[in-house]
Amino acid sequence: MSRDTQPPAAGSAEALAHAADLRAGFDYRTAFEYAPIGLVLSRHRLLIDCNRAALAMFRAEREQLIGQSFRVLYPTQGEYERTGERIIASLDTGGRYADERVMRRVDGELFWCHVWGHALDAADPHAAGIWSFEDLSSKRSLKLDFTPREREIAALLIEGLTSKMVGKRLAISPRTVDVYRARLMRKVGASTTAELVHKLLAA
């Protein structure tokens, strides 16, 4: 199609046929590799493929991740196990899941990360999935020394969940959530939940 040629009308048979012709020469592997966000394909919580952005984010060589358990990207075994349980409990009807959490680069550095996932079979969430990862460290650094449970509760408070909602998500009592929230407030020097969330976002 020349520069002077008008494209076919949107939604027309001609437009769909033209797009199909263009797709025929498109390399989807290249699109996956050069996507501007970290992408990972998984089966039964094993990383079976990832793109360049994911490798750069986790500071890994391909052989350090491919075939490995997602456990290598979590700060602790407990966080890995509890996140897996939350994914099963929290998938929407379309098999989608999203959260913000602290993850671990291969060199050991911890960082805040936004994660989206799509289970290919909502009835078996860990069987196969497509995951994207966004590094939030340029917006939110991790300078404070939190325990694994404090990190999980901090992430959910940032999402705006109440103590009752956090407790349900983590399978603990709201009272336990309140105890951890009080610890977090002392650590960051906050006097209210709103101030705590503000300081967590700015930390």
C-alpha atoms as a PDB file:
ATOM      1  CA  MET A   1       0.000   0.000   0.000  1.00  0.00           C
ATOM      2  CA  SER A   2       1.532   3.341  -1.010  1.00  0.00           C
ATOM      3  CA  ARG A   3       1.580   6.405   1.190  1.00  0.00           C
ATOM      4  CA  ASP A   4      -1.132   8.030  -0.923  1.00  0.00           C
ATOM      5  CA  THR A   5      -3.446   5.029  -0.767  1.00  0.00           C
ATOM      6  CA  GLN A   6      -6.191   5.290   1.833  1.00  0.00           C
ATOM      7  CA  PRO A   7      -6.476   2.260   4.135  1.00  0.00           C
ATOM      8  CA  PRO A   8      -9.676   0.241   3.886  1.00  0.00           C
ATOM      9  CA  ALA A   9     -12.524   1.251   6.173  1.00  0.00           C
ATOM     10  CA  ALA A  10     -12.197  -0.054   9.718  1.00  0.00           C
ATOM     11  CA  GLY A  11     -14.031  -3.345  10.215  1.00  0.00           C
ATOM     12  CA  SER A  12     -14.531  -3.918   6.520  1.00  0.00           C
ATOM     13  CA  ALA A  13     -13.755  -7.209   4.823  1.00  0.00           C
ATOM     14  CA  GLU A  14     -10.965  -5.455   2.953  1.00  0.00           C
ATOM     15  CA  ALA A  15      -9.411  -4.190   6.187  1.00  0.00           C
ATOM     16  CA  LEU A  16      -9.549  -7.637   7.784  1.00  0.00           C
ATOM     17  CA  ALA A  17      -8.039  -9.252   4.688  1.00  0.00           C
ATOM     18  CA  HIS A  18      -5.282  -6.636   4.552  1.00  0.00           C
ATOM     19  CA  ALA A  19      -4.436  -7.207   8.246  1.00  0.00           C
ATOM     20  CA  ALA A  20      -4.326 -10.958   7.624  1.00  0.00           C
ATOM     21  CA  ASP A  21      -1.847 -10.407   4.794  1.00  0.00           C
ATOM     22  CA  LEU A  22       0.367  -8.298   7.053  1.00  0.00           C
ATOM     23  CA  ARG A  23       0.150 -10.871   9.851  1.00  0.00           C
ATOM     24  CA  ALA A  24       1.331 -13.613   7.521  1.00  0.00           C
ATOM     25  CA  GLY A  25       4.821 -12.112   7.536  1.00  0.00           C
ATOM     26  CA  PHE A  26       4.890 -11.205  11.210  1.00  0.00           C
ATOM     27  CA  ASP A  27       7.242 -13.046  13.540  1.00  0.00           C
ATOM     28  CA  TYR A  28       5.391 -13.484  16.837  1.00  0.00           C
ATOM     29  CA  ARG A  29       8.521 -14.837  18.515  1.00  0.00           C
ATOM     30  CA  THR A  30      10.225 -11.520  17.847  1.00  0.00           C
ATOM     31  CA  ALA A  31       7.210  -9.673  19.259  1.00  0.00           C
ATOM     32  CA  PHE A  32       7.425 -11.778  22.435  1.00  0.00           C
ATOM     33  CA  GLU A  33      11.179 -11.290  22.801  1.00  0.00           C
ATOM     34  CA  TYR A  34      11.120  -7.508  22.304  1.00  0.00           C
ATOM     35  CA  ALA A  35       7.900  -6.681  24.182  1.00  0.00           C
ATOM     36  CA  PRO A  36       8.535  -3.660  26.451  1.00  0.00           C
ATOM     37  CA  ILE A  37       7.332  -5.495  29.568  1.00  0.00           C
ATOM     38  CA  GLY A  38       8.576  -8.680  31.195  1.00  0.00           C
ATOM     39  CA  LEU A  39       6.699 -11.730  29.919  1.00  0.00           C
ATOM     40  CA  VAL A  40       6.878 -15.289  31.248  1.00  0.00           C
ATOM     41  CA  LEU A  41       5.138 -18.496  30.173  1.00  0.00           C
ATOM     42  CA  SER A  42       4.604 -21.080  32.892  1.00  0.00           C
ATOM     43  CA  ARG A  43       3.469 -24.638  33.470  1.00  0.00           C
ATOM     44  CA  HIS A  44       2.844 -25.923  36.989  1.00  0.00           C
ATOM     45  CA  ARG A  45       4.749 -22.910  38.367  1.00  0.00           C
ATOM     46  CA  LEU A  46       7.842 -23.667  36.274  1.00  0.00           C
ATOM     47  CA  LEU A  47       9.204 -20.962  33.982  1.00  0.00           C
ATOM     48  CA  ILE A  48       9.182 -22.473  30.504  1.00  0.00           C
ATOM     49  CA  ASP A  49       9.961 -19.292  28.561  1.00  0.00           C
ATOM     50  CA  CYS A  50      10.622 -15.603  29.179  1.00  0.00           C
ATOM     51  CA  ASN A  51      11.510 -12.569  27.122  1.00  0.00           C
ATOM     52  CA  ARG A  52      14.437 -10.170  27.227  1.00  0.00           C
ATOM     53  CA  ALA A  53      12.651  -7.632  29.428  1.00  0.00           C
ATOM     54  CA  ALA A  54      12.015 -10.303  32.072  1.00  0.00           C
ATOM     55  CA  LEU A  55      15.648 -11.432  31.988  1.00  0.00           C
ATOM     56  CA  ALA A  56      16.833  -7.831  32.374  1.00  0.00           C
ATOM     57  CA  MET A  57      14.365  -7.154  35.208  1.00  0.00           C
ATOM     58  CA  PHE A  58      15.458 -10.193  37.194  1.00  0.00           C
ATOM     59  CA  ARG A  59      19.128  -9.746  36.151  1.00  0.00           C
ATOM     60  CA  ALA A  60      19.260 -13.309  34.923  1.00  0.00           C
ATOM     61  CA  GLU A  61      20.664 -15.339  32.087  1.00  0.00           C
ATOM     62  CA  ARG A  62      18.122 -17.493  30.291  1.00  0.00           C
ATOM     63  CA  GLU A  63      19.580 -20.729  31.698  1.00  0.00           C
ATOM     64  CA  GLN A  64      19.140 -19.392  35.252  1.00  0.00           C
ATOM     65  CA  LEU A  65      15.356 -19.205  34.811  1.00  0.00           C
ATOM     66  CA  ILE A  66      14.131 -21.571  32.100  1.00  0.00           C
ATOM     67  CA  GLY A  67      12.975 -24.841  33.623  1.00  0.00           C
ATOM     68  CA  GLN A  68      13.224 -23.435  37.145  1.00  0.00           C
ATOM     69  CA  SER A  69      10.463 -23.007  39.703  1.00  0.00           C
ATOM     70  CA  PHE A  70       9.057 -19.515  40.248  1.00  0.00           C
ATOM     71  CA  ARG A  71      10.460 -19.965  43.751  1.00  0.00           C
ATOM     72  CA  VAL A  72      13.776 -18.493  42.524  1.00  0.00           C
ATOM     73  CA  LEU A  73      12.025 -15.131  42.085  1.00  0.00           C
ATOM     74  CA  TYR A  74      10.529 -14.956  45.585  1.00  0.00           C
ATOM     75  CA  PRO A  75      12.266 -13.680  48.730  1.00  0.00           C
ATOM     76  CA  THR A  76      11.246 -16.734  50.783  1.00  0.00           C
ATOM     77  CA  GLN A  77       9.669 -20.166  50.410  1.00  0.00           C
ATOM     78  CA  GLY A  78       6.702 -19.027  52.501  1.00  0.00           C
ATOM     79  CA  GLU A  79       5.934 -16.092  50.212  1.00  0.00           C
ATOM     80  CA  TYR A  80       6.150 -18.370  47.180  1.00  0.00           C
ATOM     81  CA  GLU A  81       3.719 -20.869  48.715  1.00  0.00           C
ATOM     82  CA  ARG A  82       1.250 -18.275  50.012  1.00  0.00           C
ATOM     83  CA  THR A  83       1.189 -16.395  46.712  1.00  0.00           C
ATOM     84  CA  GLY A  84       0.408 -19.643  44.907  1.00  0.00           C
ATOM     85  CA  GLU A  85      -2.508 -20.217  47.257  1.00  0.00           C
ATOM     86  CA  ARG A  86      -3.782 -16.649  46.748  1.00  0.00           C
ATOM     87  CA  ILE A  87      -3.670 -17.013  42.981  1.00  0.00           C
ATOM     88  CA  ILE A  88      -5.905 -20.087  43.175  1.00  0.00           C
ATOM     89  CA  ALA A  89      -8.328 -18.344  45.542  1.00  0.00           C
ATOM     90  CA  SER A  90      -8.425 -14.989  43.738  1.00  0.00           C
ATOM     91  CA  LEU A  91      -8.691 -15.728  40.006  1.00  0.00           C
ATOM     92  CA  ASP A  92     -11.626 -14.029  38.356  1.00  0.00           C
ATOM     93  CA  THR A  93     -13.995 -15.967  36.112  1.00  0.00           C
ATOM     94  CA  GLY A  94     -11.780 -15.278  33.106  1.00  0.00           C
ATOM     95  CA  GLY A  95      -8.743 -16.779  34.817  1.00  0.00           C
ATOM     96  CA  ARG A  96      -7.031 -13.419  35.423  1.00  0.00           C
ATOM     97  CA  TYR A  97      -5.059 -12.315  38.466  1.00  0.00           C
ATOM     98  CA  ALA A  98      -3.126  -9.179  39.427  1.00  0.00           C
ATOM     99  CA  ASP A  99      -1.249  -7.915  42.463  1.00  0.00           C
ATOM    100  CA  GLU A 100       1.728  -5.928  43.675  1.00  0.00           C
ATOM    101  CA  ARG A 101       4.360  -7.797  45.611  1.00  0.00           C
ATOM    102  CA  VAL A 102       8.012  -7.851  46.572  1.00  0.00           C
ATOM    103  CA  MET A 103      10.057 -10.099  44.300  1.00  0.00           C
ATOM    104  CA  ARG A 104      13.691 -11.143  44.151  1.00  0.00           C
ATOM    105  CA  ARG A 105      16.234 -10.629  41.403  1.00  0.00           C
ATOM    106  CA  VAL A 106      18.727 -13.429  40.771  1.00  0.00           C
ATOM    107  CA  ASP A 107      21.471 -11.371  42.451  1.00  0.00           C
ATOM    108  CA  GLY A 108      19.373 -11.252  45.642  1.00  0.00           C
ATOM    109  CA  GLU A 109      18.032  -7.691  45.461  1.00  0.00           C
ATOM    110  CA  LEU A 110      14.383  -7.329  46.492  1.00  0.00           C
ATOM    111  CA  PHE A 111      12.068  -4.961  44.626  1.00  0.00           C
ATOM    112  CA  TRP A 112       8.417  -4.018  44.282  1.00  0.00           C
ATOM    113  CA  CYS A 113       6.779  -5.555  41.239  1.00  0.00           C
ATOM    114  CA  HIS A 114       3.331  -5.359  39.633  1.00  0.00           C
ATOM    115  CA  VAL A 115       2.239  -8.739  38.321  1.00  0.00           C
ATOM    116  CA  TRP A 116      -0.586  -9.676  35.949  1.00  0.00           C
ATOM    117  CA  GLY A 117      -1.412 -13.252  35.116  1.00  0.00           C
ATOM    118  CA  HIS A 118      -3.800 -15.185  32.918  1.00  0.00           C
ATOM    119  CA  ALA A 119      -4.345 -18.859  33.652  1.00  0.00           C
ATOM    120  CA  LEU A 120      -5.223 -20.682  30.452  1.00  0.00           C
ATOM    121  CA  ASP A 121      -7.551 -22.952  32.457  1.00  0.00           C
ATOM    122  CA  ALA A 122      -9.289 -21.156  35.324  1.00  0.00           C
ATOM    123  CA  ALA A 123     -10.196 -24.531  36.825  1.00  0.00           C
ATOM    124  CA  ASP A 124      -6.492 -25.431  37.115  1.00  0.00           C
ATOM    125  CA  PRO A 125      -4.730 -22.072  37.632  1.00  0.00           C
ATOM    126  CA  HIS A 126      -1.157 -23.363  37.803  1.00  0.00           C
ATOM    127  CA  ALA A 127      -1.381 -25.760  34.850  1.00  0.00           C
ATOM    128  CA  ALA A 128      -0.387 -23.136  32.284  1.00  0.00           C
ATOM    129  CA  GLY A 129      -0.237 -19.367  32.378  1.00  0.00           C
ATOM    130  CA  ILE A 130       0.999 -16.159  30.815  1.00  0.00           C
ATOM    131  CA  TRP A 131       2.502 -13.628  33.226  1.00  0.00           C
ATOM    132  CA  SER A 132       3.685 -10.053  32.861  1.00  0.00           C
ATOM    133  CA  PHE A 133       5.920  -8.204  35.295  1.00  0.00           C
ATOM    134  CA  GLU A 134       6.466  -4.470  35.762  1.00  0.00           C
ATOM    135  CA  ASP A 135       9.412  -3.291  37.855  1.00  0.00           C
ATOM    136  CA  LEU A 136       8.146  -0.583  40.240  1.00  0.00           C
ATOM    137  CA  SER A 137      11.526   0.179  41.798  1.00  0.00           C
ATOM    138  CA  SER A 138      11.850   3.506  39.955  1.00  0.00           C
ATOM    139  CA  LYS A 139       8.621   4.628  41.674  1.00  0.00           C
ATOM    140  CA  ARG A 140       8.864   2.727  44.944  1.00  0.00           C
ATOM    141  CA  SER A 141      12.125   1.663  46.528  1.00  0.00           C
ATOM    142  CA  LEU A 142      12.436  -1.003  49.197  1.00  0.00           C
ATOM    143  CA  LYS A 143      14.609   0.506  51.903  1.00  0.00           C
ATOM    144  CA  LEU A 144      12.870  -0.768  55.027  1.00  0.00           C
ATOM    145  CA  ASP A 145      13.601  -4.123  56.624  1.00  0.00           C
ATOM    146  CA  PHE A 146      10.227  -5.887  56.559  1.00  0.00           C
ATOM    147  CA  THR A 147       9.537  -9.490  57.433  1.00  0.00           C
ATOM    148  CA  PRO A 148       7.929 -11.681  54.738  1.00  0.00           C
ATOM    149  CA  ARG A 149       4.485 -11.351  56.318  1.00  0.00           C
ATOM    150  CA  GLU A 150       4.900  -7.580  56.695  1.00  0.00           C
ATOM    151  CA  ARG A 151       5.741  -7.352  52.983  1.00  0.00           C
ATOM    152  CA  GLU A 152       2.577  -9.241  52.063  1.00  0.00           C
ATOM    153  CA  ILE A 153       0.366  -7.116  54.310  1.00  0.00           C
ATOM    154  CA  ALA A 154       2.006  -3.890  53.127  1.00  0.00           C
ATOM    155  CA  ALA A 155       1.262  -4.832  49.504  1.00  0.00           C
ATOM    156  CA  LEU A 156      -2.412  -5.455  50.273  1.00  0.00           C
ATOM    157  CA  LEU A 157      -2.780  -2.268  52.314  1.00  0.00           C
ATOM    158  CA  ILE A 158      -1.370  -0.351  49.345  1.00  0.00           C
ATOM    159  CA  GLU A 159      -4.170  -1.889  47.258  1.00  0.00           C
ATOM    160  CA  GLY A 160      -6.651  -0.321  49.688  1.00  0.00           C
ATOM    161  CA  LEU A 161      -7.860  -3.505  51.364  1.00  0.00           C
ATOM    162  CA  THR A 162      -9.335  -3.349  54.869  1.00  0.00           C
ATOM    163  CA  SER A 163      -8.061  -5.531  57.728  1.00  0.00           C
ATOM    164  CA  LYS A 164     -10.973  -7.897  57.147  1.00  0.00           C
ATOM    165  CA  MET A 165     -10.214  -8.145  53.423  1.00  0.00           C
ATOM    166  CA  VAL A 166      -6.484  -8.608  54.030  1.00  0.00           C
ATOM    167  CA  GLY A 167      -7.228 -11.300  56.586  1.00  0.00           C
ATOM    168  CA  LYS A 168      -9.478 -13.138  54.137  1.00  0.00           C
ATOM    169  CA  ARG A 169      -6.862 -12.908  51.361  1.00  0.00           C
ATOM    170  CA  LEU A 170      -4.088 -14.220  53.636  1.00  0.00           C
ATOM    171  CA  ALA A 171      -6.240 -16.645  55.659  1.00  0.00           C
ATOM    172  CA  ILE A 172      -5.455 -14.908  58.959  1.00  0.00           C
ATOM    173  CA  SER A 173      -7.664 -13.041  61.410  1.00  0.00           C
ATOM    174  CA  PRO A 174      -8.346  -9.300  61.028  1.00  0.00           C
ATOM    175  CA  ARG A 175      -6.896  -8.874  64.521  1.00  0.00           C
ATOM    176  CA  THR A 176      -3.607 -10.389  63.328  1.00  0.00           C
ATOM    177  CA  VAL A 177      -3.632  -7.988  60.394  1.00  0.00           C
ATOM    178  CA  ASP A 178      -4.091  -5.095  62.819  1.00  0.00           C
ATOM    179  CA  VAL A 179      -1.076  -6.265  64.829  1.00  0.00           C
ATOM    180  CA  TYR A 180       1.095  -6.344  61.711  1.00  0.00           C
ATOM    181  CA  ARG A 181      -0.248  -3.011  60.529  1.00  0.00           C
ATOM    182  CA  ALA A 182       0.699  -1.479  63.889  1.00  0.00           C
ATOM    183  CA  ARG A 183       4.235  -2.862  63.467  1.00  0.00           C
ATOM    184  CA  LEU A 184       4.448  -1.379  59.987  1.00  0.00           C
ATOM    185  CA  MET A 185       3.260   1.981  61.270  1.00  0.00           C
ATOM    186  CA  ARG A 186       5.957   1.980  63.937  1.00  0.00           C
ATOM    187  CA  LYS A 187       8.628   1.065  61.409  1.00  0.00           C
ATOM    188  CA  VAL A 188       7.754   3.868  59.001  1.00  0.00           C
ATOM    189  CA  GLY A 189       6.708   6.405  61.640  1.00  0.00           C
ATOM    190  CA  ALA A 190       3.056   6.661  60.583  1.00  0.00           C
ATOM    191  CA  SER A 191       0.123   7.480  62.853  1.00  0.00           C
ATOM    192  CA  THR A 192      -2.726   6.512  60.495  1.00  0.00           C
ATOM    193  CA  THR A 193      -3.311   3.874  57.841  1.00  0.00           C
ATOM    194  CA  ALA A 194      -3.467   6.575  55.164  1.00  0.00           C
ATOM    195  CA  GLU A 195      -0.100   7.924  56.287  1.00  0.00           C
ATOM    196  CA  LEU A 196       1.291   4.384  56.365  1.00  0.00           C
ATOM    197  CA  VAL A 197       0.225   3.765  52.756  1.00  0.00           C
ATOM    198  CA  HIS A 198       1.651   7.145  51.707  1.00  0.00           C
ATOM    199  CA  LYS A 199       4.992   6.336  53.306  1.00  0.00           C
ATOM    200  CA  LEU A 200       5.044   2.832  51.869  1.00  0.00           C
ATOM    201  CA  LEU A 201       4.529   4.287  48.403  1.00  0.00           C
ATOM    202  CA  ALA A 202       7.266   6.830  48.999  1.00  0.00           C
ATOM    203  CA  ALA A 203       9.705   4.476  50.772  1.00  0.00           C
END
